[in-house]
Amino acid sequence: MGDEKNWGGIMDPLKVQEFLKWLQEHHLENHSLKAGSLFTNSLLIHH
């Protein structure tokens, strides 16, 4: 990995809450673990 500072943005509790809210709104609660991991991976790849 490189810049640990990026983890601050990725692990931002507000962003996590927003993402969980989005999952609930789209009825993806049952897939939250898988989707959350895809979401995190996409952040790691694109940042």
N, C-alpha and C. Protein backbone atom coordinates (compact mmCIF):
# COMPACT_ATOMS: atom_id res chain seq x y z
N MET A 1 0.87 -1.17 0.00
CA MET A 1 0.00 0.00 0.00
C MET A 1 0.90 1.22 0.00
N GLY A 2 0.36 2.37 -0.06
CA GLY A 2 1.21 3.54 -0.08
C GLY A 2 0.86 4.49 1.03
N ASP A 3 0.08 5.48 0.70
CA ASP A 3 -0.19 6.58 1.59
C ASP A 3 -1.27 6.22 2.60
N GLU A 4 -0.86 6.04 3.86
CA GLU A 4 -1.81 5.67 4.90
C GLU A 4 -2.84 6.77 5.16
N LYS A 5 -2.50 7.99 4.76
CA LYS A 5 -3.44 9.09 4.96
C LYS A 5 -4.77 8.83 4.25
N ASN A 6 -4.72 8.09 3.15
CA ASN A 6 -5.94 7.79 2.40
C ASN A 6 -6.94 7.00 3.25
N TRP A 7 -6.46 6.22 4.19
CA TRP A 7 -7.36 5.42 5.03
C TRP A 7 -8.29 6.31 5.84
N GLY A 8 -7.84 7.51 6.18
CA GLY A 8 -8.70 8.43 6.93
C GLY A 8 -9.97 8.74 6.17
N GLY A 9 -9.83 8.94 4.87
CA GLY A 9 -11.00 9.22 4.05
C GLY A 9 -11.86 7.99 3.84
N ILE A 10 -11.22 6.86 3.59
CA ILE A 10 -11.95 5.62 3.33
C ILE A 10 -12.74 5.18 4.56
N MET A 11 -12.12 5.32 5.73
CA MET A 11 -12.75 4.84 6.94
C MET A 11 -13.57 5.92 7.65
N ASP A 12 -13.80 7.05 6.98
CA ASP A 12 -14.58 8.13 7.55
C ASP A 12 -15.96 7.62 7.96
N PRO A 13 -16.29 7.68 9.25
CA PRO A 13 -17.58 7.15 9.74
C PRO A 13 -18.77 7.75 9.01
N LEU A 14 -18.71 9.01 8.67
CA LEU A 14 -19.82 9.63 7.95
C LEU A 14 -20.01 9.00 6.58
N LYS A 15 -18.90 8.70 5.90
CA LYS A 15 -19.01 8.07 4.59
C LYS A 15 -19.54 6.65 4.72
N VAL A 16 -19.12 5.97 5.78
CA VAL A 16 -19.63 4.62 6.03
C VAL A 16 -21.13 4.67 6.27
N GLN A 17 -21.58 5.63 7.09
CA GLN A 17 -23.01 5.77 7.37
C GLN A 17 -23.78 6.08 6.09
N GLU A 18 -23.25 6.96 5.27
CA GLU A 18 -23.91 7.30 4.00
C GLU A 18 -24.04 6.06 3.12
N PHE A 19 -22.98 5.26 3.09
CA PHE A 19 -23.00 4.06 2.26
C PHE A 19 -24.02 3.05 2.78
N LEU A 20 -24.05 2.85 4.11
CA LEU A 20 -25.02 1.93 4.69
C LEU A 20 -26.44 2.41 4.43
N LYS A 21 -26.64 3.72 4.50
CA LYS A 21 -27.95 4.30 4.22
C LYS A 21 -28.34 4.02 2.78
N TRP A 22 -27.38 4.20 1.87
CA TRP A 22 -27.63 3.92 0.46
C TRP A 22 -28.02 2.46 0.26
N LEU A 23 -27.30 1.56 0.93
CA LEU A 23 -27.62 0.14 0.83
C LEU A 23 -29.04 -0.13 1.28
N GLN A 24 -29.43 0.47 2.40
CA GLN A 24 -30.78 0.26 2.93
C GLN A 24 -31.83 0.79 1.97
N GLU A 25 -31.57 1.97 1.41
CA GLU A 25 -32.51 2.57 0.47
C GLU A 25 -32.68 1.72 -0.78
N HIS A 26 -31.64 0.99 -1.14
CA HIS A 26 -31.71 0.15 -2.33
C HIS A 26 -31.96 -1.31 -1.98
N HIS A 27 -32.34 -1.55 -0.73
CA HIS A 27 -32.70 -2.90 -0.27
C HIS A 27 -31.58 -3.91 -0.49
N LEU A 28 -30.37 -3.47 -0.20
CA LEU A 28 -29.22 -4.35 -0.38
C LEU A 28 -28.62 -4.76 0.97
N GLU A 29 -29.42 -4.62 2.04
CA GLU A 29 -28.88 -4.92 3.37
C GLU A 29 -28.28 -6.32 3.44
N ASN A 30 -28.94 -7.28 2.79
CA ASN A 30 -28.47 -8.66 2.86
C ASN A 30 -27.13 -8.86 2.17
N HIS A 31 -26.80 -7.93 1.30
CA HIS A 31 -25.54 -8.04 0.56
C HIS A 31 -24.53 -7.01 1.05
N SER A 32 -24.80 -6.41 2.20
CA SER A 32 -23.99 -5.28 2.66
C SER A 32 -22.52 -5.66 2.82
N LEU A 33 -22.25 -6.87 3.31
CA LEU A 33 -20.85 -7.26 3.51
C LEU A 33 -20.12 -7.34 2.17
N LYS A 34 -20.73 -8.03 1.22
CA LYS A 34 -20.12 -8.17 -0.10
C LYS A 34 -20.02 -6.81 -0.80
N ALA A 35 -21.10 -6.05 -0.79
CA ALA A 35 -21.11 -4.75 -1.44
C ALA A 35 -20.13 -3.80 -0.76
N GLY A 36 -20.06 -3.87 0.57
CA GLY A 36 -19.14 -3.01 1.30
C GLY A 36 -17.71 -3.30 0.93
N SER A 37 -17.39 -4.57 0.74
CA SER A 37 -16.05 -4.94 0.36
C SER A 37 -15.74 -4.51 -1.07
N LEU A 38 -16.72 -4.60 -1.95
CA LEU A 38 -16.53 -4.09 -3.32
C LEU A 38 -16.35 -2.58 -3.31
N PHE A 39 -17.14 -1.92 -2.48
CA PHE A 39 -17.08 -0.47 -2.35
C PHE A 39 -15.70 -0.04 -1.86
N THR A 40 -15.20 -0.72 -0.82
CA THR A 40 -13.88 -0.40 -0.28
C THR A 40 -12.79 -0.69 -1.30
N ASN A 41 -12.90 -1.81 -1.99
CA ASN A 41 -11.91 -2.15 -3.01
C ASN A 41 -11.88 -1.12 -4.12
N SER A 42 -13.05 -0.64 -4.53
CA SER A 42 -13.08 0.36 -5.59
C SER A 42 -12.42 1.65 -5.13
N LEU A 43 -12.61 2.01 -3.85
CA LEU A 43 -11.95 3.20 -3.32
C LEU A 43 -10.44 3.02 -3.33
N LEU A 44 -9.98 1.85 -2.91
CA LEU A 44 -8.54 1.59 -2.86
C LEU A 44 -7.94 1.63 -4.26
N ILE A 45 -8.66 1.10 -5.23
CA ILE A 45 -8.15 1.06 -6.60
C ILE A 45 -8.14 2.45 -7.22
N HIS A 46 -9.19 3.21 -7.01
CA HIS A 46 -9.33 4.49 -7.71
C HIS A 46 -8.67 5.66 -7.01
N HIS A 47 -8.20 5.44 -5.78
CA HIS A 47 -7.53 6.54 -5.08
C HIS A 47 -6.07 6.18 -4.89
